[in-house]
N, C-alpha and C. Protein backbone atom coordinates (compact mmCIF):
# COMPACT_ATOMS: atom_id res chain seq x y z
N MET A 1 27.50 5.26 5.30
CA MET A 1 27.90 5.97 6.49
C MET A 1 27.96 4.68 7.50
N SER A 2 29.23 4.53 8.18
CA SER A 2 29.33 3.74 9.05
C SER A 2 30.43 3.81 10.08
N ARG A 3 30.46 3.18 11.28
CA ARG A 3 31.47 3.51 12.17
C ARG A 3 32.82 3.29 11.72
N GLU A 4 33.07 2.14 10.87
CA GLU A 4 34.26 1.73 10.28
C GLU A 4 34.56 2.82 9.38
N GLY A 5 33.61 3.08 8.31
CA GLY A 5 34.07 4.28 7.45
C GLY A 5 34.37 5.64 8.13
N LEU A 6 33.75 5.96 9.16
CA LEU A 6 34.05 7.15 9.91
C LEU A 6 35.55 7.21 10.46
N GLU A 7 35.70 6.04 11.11
CA GLU A 7 37.20 5.83 11.60
C GLU A 7 38.22 5.81 10.58
N ARG A 8 38.03 5.41 9.46
CA ARG A 8 38.97 5.39 8.21
C ARG A 8 39.16 6.89 7.76
N LEU A 9 37.81 7.45 7.73
CA LEU A 9 37.87 9.01 7.25
C LEU A 9 38.58 9.80 8.43
N ARG A 10 38.36 9.55 9.57
CA ARG A 10 39.02 10.34 10.70
C ARG A 10 40.41 10.18 10.55
N LEU A 11 40.96 8.83 10.48
CA LEU A 11 42.44 8.75 10.49
C LEU A 11 43.11 9.33 9.26
N LEU A 12 42.35 9.23 8.04
CA LEU A 12 42.82 9.94 6.77
C LEU A 12 42.90 11.42 7.08
N LEU A 13 41.88 11.90 7.76
CA LEU A 13 41.92 13.52 8.05
C LEU A 13 42.93 13.94 9.01
N ALA A 14 43.23 13.03 10.13
CA ALA A 14 44.03 13.49 11.06
C ALA A 14 45.49 13.63 10.30
N GLN A 15 45.78 12.65 9.56
CA GLN A 15 47.12 12.67 8.81
C GLN A 15 47.05 13.76 7.97
N ARG A 16 46.15 14.19 6.96
CA ARG A 16 46.07 15.20 6.12
C ARG A 16 46.17 16.39 6.96
N VAL A 17 45.40 16.66 7.99
CA VAL A 17 45.34 17.95 8.30
C VAL A 17 46.62 18.18 9.33
N GLY A 18 47.11 17.05 9.87
CA GLY A 18 48.37 17.37 10.67
C GLY A 18 48.11 17.54 12.23
N SER A 19 49.32 17.80 12.88
CA SER A 19 49.04 17.93 14.38
C SER A 19 48.82 19.66 14.61
N PRO A 20 48.06 19.72 15.68
CA PRO A 20 48.11 21.13 16.13
C PRO A 20 49.27 21.85 16.06
N CYS A 21 49.14 23.14 15.45
CA CYS A 21 50.34 24.03 15.09
C CYS A 21 49.96 25.42 15.84
N GLU A 22 50.73 25.94 16.69
CA GLU A 22 50.42 27.31 17.32
C GLU A 22 51.14 28.47 16.50
N ASP A 23 52.38 27.96 15.84
CA ASP A 23 53.02 29.05 15.17
C ASP A 23 53.25 28.76 13.64
N GLY A 24 53.63 29.47 12.91
CA GLY A 24 53.91 29.39 11.61
C GLY A 24 52.89 29.76 10.38
N GLU A 25 52.98 29.66 9.16
CA GLU A 25 52.28 30.07 8.36
C GLU A 25 51.07 29.57 8.17
N ASP A 26 50.83 28.07 8.57
CA ASP A 26 49.51 27.36 8.28
C ASP A 26 48.75 27.45 9.75
N ALA A 27 49.25 27.94 10.94
CA ALA A 27 48.59 27.96 11.99
C ALA A 27 47.09 28.34 12.07
N GLY A 28 46.96 29.61 11.19
CA GLY A 28 45.81 30.02 11.27
C GLY A 28 44.55 29.20 10.35
N ARG A 29 45.10 28.21 9.65
CA ARG A 29 44.09 27.41 8.98
C ARG A 29 43.95 26.14 9.59
N VAL A 30 45.00 25.66 10.18
CA VAL A 30 45.01 24.21 10.90
C VAL A 30 44.18 24.07 11.87
N GLU A 31 43.99 24.87 12.90
CA GLU A 31 43.41 24.65 14.03
C GLU A 31 41.75 24.86 13.84
N PRO A 32 41.26 25.85 12.76
CA PRO A 32 39.85 25.98 12.48
C PRO A 32 39.40 24.52 11.80
N LEU A 33 40.29 24.05 10.87
CA LEU A 33 40.08 23.01 10.11
C LEU A 33 39.99 21.69 11.19
N ARG A 34 40.80 21.60 12.04
CA ARG A 34 40.82 20.62 13.07
C ARG A 34 39.64 20.50 14.00
N ARG A 35 39.07 21.72 14.33
CA ARG A 35 37.83 21.89 14.93
C ARG A 35 36.74 21.29 14.12
N GLN A 36 36.50 21.81 12.72
CA GLN A 36 35.60 21.36 12.03
C GLN A 36 35.50 19.89 11.74
N VAL A 37 36.67 19.36 11.63
CA VAL A 37 36.90 17.85 11.56
C VAL A 37 36.23 17.23 12.73
N TYR A 38 36.64 17.73 13.88
CA TYR A 38 36.23 17.03 15.15
C TYR A 38 34.66 17.07 15.35
N HIS A 39 34.13 18.31 15.32
CA HIS A 39 32.59 18.67 15.32
C HIS A 39 31.93 17.49 14.30
N ALA A 40 32.52 17.44 13.02
CA ALA A 40 31.86 16.73 12.03
C ALA A 40 31.89 15.30 12.52
N VAL A 41 32.91 14.77 13.14
CA VAL A 41 32.99 13.31 13.54
C VAL A 41 32.22 13.21 14.73
N THR A 42 32.22 13.97 15.50
CA THR A 42 31.32 13.94 16.75
C THR A 42 29.73 13.85 16.44
N GLY A 43 29.32 14.79 15.50
CA GLY A 43 28.10 14.75 14.99
C GLY A 43 27.63 13.29 14.30
N ILE A 44 28.43 13.02 13.40
CA ILE A 44 28.23 11.75 12.85
C ILE A 44 28.04 10.51 13.63
N ASP A 45 29.06 10.58 14.66
CA ASP A 45 29.03 9.62 15.64
C ASP A 45 27.87 9.60 16.56
N ALA A 46 27.26 10.78 16.92
CA ALA A 46 25.91 10.90 17.35
C ALA A 46 24.80 10.30 16.66
N TYR A 47 24.81 10.61 15.55
CA TYR A 47 24.08 10.03 14.61
C TYR A 47 23.73 8.49 14.58
N LEU A 48 24.96 7.89 14.39
CA LEU A 48 25.20 6.60 14.29
C LEU A 48 24.69 5.91 15.69
N SER A 49 25.09 6.49 16.87
CA SER A 49 24.57 6.13 18.14
C SER A 49 23.09 6.03 18.30
N ALA A 50 22.51 7.10 17.65
CA ALA A 50 21.20 7.13 17.74
C ALA A 50 20.44 5.99 16.76
N VAL A 51 21.08 5.84 15.74
CA VAL A 51 20.60 4.68 14.77
C VAL A 51 20.51 3.22 15.62
N GLU A 52 21.90 3.05 16.28
CA GLU A 52 22.02 1.82 17.18
C GLU A 52 21.04 1.95 18.11
N ALA A 53 20.77 2.80 18.86
CA ALA A 53 19.82 2.79 19.83
C ALA A 53 18.19 2.92 19.64
N GLY A 54 18.14 3.04 18.14
CA GLY A 54 16.70 2.99 17.72
C GLY A 54 15.97 4.26 18.25
N SER A 55 16.70 5.26 18.35
CA SER A 55 16.02 6.64 18.66
C SER A 55 15.28 7.26 17.75
N ARG A 56 14.15 7.99 18.15
CA ARG A 56 13.39 8.62 17.11
C ARG A 56 13.97 9.90 16.52
N THR A 57 15.06 10.30 17.34
CA THR A 57 15.68 11.42 16.79
C THR A 57 16.52 11.03 15.55
N VAL A 58 16.46 9.98 15.05
CA VAL A 58 17.36 9.64 13.72
C VAL A 58 16.86 10.40 12.67
N VAL A 59 15.56 10.61 12.53
CA VAL A 59 14.90 11.39 11.28
C VAL A 59 15.42 12.73 11.56
N GLY A 60 15.51 13.45 12.37
CA GLY A 60 15.99 14.65 12.16
C GLY A 60 17.55 14.79 12.25
N LEU A 61 18.43 13.81 12.61
CA LEU A 61 19.74 13.82 12.46
C LEU A 61 20.21 13.50 11.25
N ARG A 62 19.72 12.62 10.46
CA ARG A 62 20.09 12.14 9.24
C ARG A 62 20.61 12.97 8.26
N GLU A 63 19.80 14.02 7.94
CA GLU A 63 20.26 15.18 6.86
C GLU A 63 21.56 15.83 7.56
N ARG A 64 21.50 16.05 8.64
CA ARG A 64 22.71 16.84 9.25
C ARG A 64 23.83 15.91 9.12
N ALA A 65 23.79 14.62 9.44
CA ALA A 65 24.84 13.55 9.39
C ALA A 65 25.36 13.53 8.10
N LEU A 66 24.65 13.43 6.96
CA LEU A 66 25.04 13.37 5.61
C LEU A 66 25.61 14.65 5.15
N ASP A 67 25.20 15.83 5.58
CA ASP A 67 25.94 16.95 5.40
C ASP A 67 27.32 16.89 5.85
N LEU A 68 27.27 16.70 7.24
CA LEU A 68 28.62 16.44 7.87
C LEU A 68 29.58 15.51 7.12
N TRP A 69 29.11 14.36 6.58
CA TRP A 69 29.93 13.46 5.84
C TRP A 69 30.49 13.83 4.74
N ALA A 70 29.65 14.71 3.99
CA ALA A 70 30.09 15.39 2.78
C ALA A 70 31.13 16.49 3.19
N ASP A 71 31.01 17.15 4.01
CA ASP A 71 32.07 18.05 4.58
C ASP A 71 33.49 17.47 4.87
N LEU A 72 33.39 16.09 5.49
CA LEU A 72 34.70 15.41 5.81
C LEU A 72 35.17 14.94 4.48
N GLU A 73 34.46 14.42 3.51
CA GLU A 73 34.89 14.06 2.26
C GLU A 73 35.31 15.14 1.42
N ARG A 74 34.78 16.34 1.56
CA ARG A 74 35.28 17.45 0.79
C ARG A 74 36.69 17.92 1.43
N ILE A 75 36.86 17.78 2.79
CA ILE A 75 38.17 18.12 3.27
C ILE A 75 39.34 17.02 2.93
N ALA A 76 38.91 15.70 3.03
CA ALA A 76 39.68 14.71 2.43
C ALA A 76 40.19 14.80 1.28
N THR A 77 39.53 15.71 0.28
CA THR A 77 39.61 15.56 -1.24
C THR A 77 40.87 16.56 -1.27
N PRO A 78 42.12 16.02 -2.05
CA PRO A 78 43.24 16.70 -2.11
C PRO A 78 42.97 17.74 -3.10
N CYS A 79 43.66 19.01 -2.91
CA CYS A 79 43.53 19.94 -3.71
C CYS A 79 44.43 19.67 -4.95
N PRO A 80 43.85 19.95 -6.15
CA PRO A 80 44.71 19.99 -7.29
C PRO A 80 45.85 20.75 -7.58
N ALA A 81 46.92 20.35 -8.01
CA ALA A 81 48.29 21.15 -8.35
C ALA A 81 47.58 22.23 -9.20
N PRO A 82 48.19 23.42 -9.16
CA PRO A 82 47.83 24.71 -10.03
C PRO A 82 47.83 24.37 -11.53
N ASP A 83 48.72 23.29 -11.89
CA ASP A 83 49.12 22.96 -13.30
C ASP A 83 48.30 21.81 -13.72
N SER A 84 47.45 21.35 -12.85
CA SER A 84 46.77 20.12 -13.39
C SER A 84 45.32 20.31 -13.53
N ALA A 85 44.78 19.28 -14.30
CA ALA A 85 43.26 19.66 -14.68
C ALA A 85 42.37 19.54 -13.34
N VAL A 86 41.40 20.36 -13.22
CA VAL A 86 40.38 20.41 -12.12
C VAL A 86 39.66 19.20 -12.20
N GLY A 87 39.36 18.42 -11.12
CA GLY A 87 38.57 17.20 -11.24
C GLY A 87 38.67 16.48 -9.82
N ASP A 88 38.16 15.49 -9.73
CA ASP A 88 38.19 14.72 -8.33
C ASP A 88 38.68 13.36 -8.62
N ALA A 89 39.22 13.09 -9.66
CA ALA A 89 39.97 11.73 -9.93
C ALA A 89 40.80 11.14 -8.78
N ASP A 90 41.37 12.09 -8.23
CA ASP A 90 42.33 11.56 -7.17
C ASP A 90 41.85 11.71 -5.85
N ALA A 91 40.36 12.09 -5.81
CA ALA A 91 39.70 12.28 -4.55
C ALA A 91 39.83 10.98 -3.72
N VAL A 92 39.78 11.08 -2.46
CA VAL A 92 39.63 10.19 -1.53
C VAL A 92 38.25 10.26 -0.91
N ARG A 93 37.50 9.13 -1.22
CA ARG A 93 36.10 9.09 -0.99
C ARG A 93 35.76 7.73 -0.11
N VAL A 94 35.26 7.97 0.89
CA VAL A 94 34.69 6.73 1.55
C VAL A 94 33.21 6.57 1.25
N PRO A 95 32.85 5.59 0.75
CA PRO A 95 31.50 5.39 0.23
C PRO A 95 30.46 5.32 1.56
N LEU A 96 29.20 5.96 1.22
CA LEU A 96 28.20 6.09 2.23
C LEU A 96 27.68 4.60 2.14
N GLN A 97 27.28 4.18 3.41
CA GLN A 97 26.62 2.79 3.53
C GLN A 97 25.33 3.12 3.97
N PRO A 98 24.22 2.37 3.56
CA PRO A 98 22.98 2.43 3.81
C PRO A 98 22.76 2.24 5.44
N VAL A 99 21.88 3.01 5.96
CA VAL A 99 21.45 3.18 7.03
C VAL A 99 20.01 2.49 7.40
N PRO A 100 19.81 1.72 8.05
CA PRO A 100 18.49 1.03 8.34
C PRO A 100 17.45 1.86 8.45
N PRO A 101 16.30 1.78 7.88
CA PRO A 101 15.12 2.69 8.02
C PRO A 101 14.55 2.54 9.49
N VAL A 102 14.02 3.86 10.05
CA VAL A 102 13.44 3.89 11.26
C VAL A 102 12.15 3.19 11.57
């Protein structure tokens, strides 16, 4: 988990989720997903800022940041086509990077 990895994942998800849409078949799914991505990125950014600042809150935030990272990776993983084998061989993964201990 790093700022660079977060930015790559954020850009990938911006492309994958797409622009805000108010009409159409996907409107009901896109906006909640966009909000989920935004909140996850914001939470991870807060954690990384706490790490950089040497804050004591890092201990409490680490587990949540890892959960948020996993959520972003899950969203970034393309859904398999109905006729393809289920698996994550084509999944887009941004590897977690070690965070310095507090």
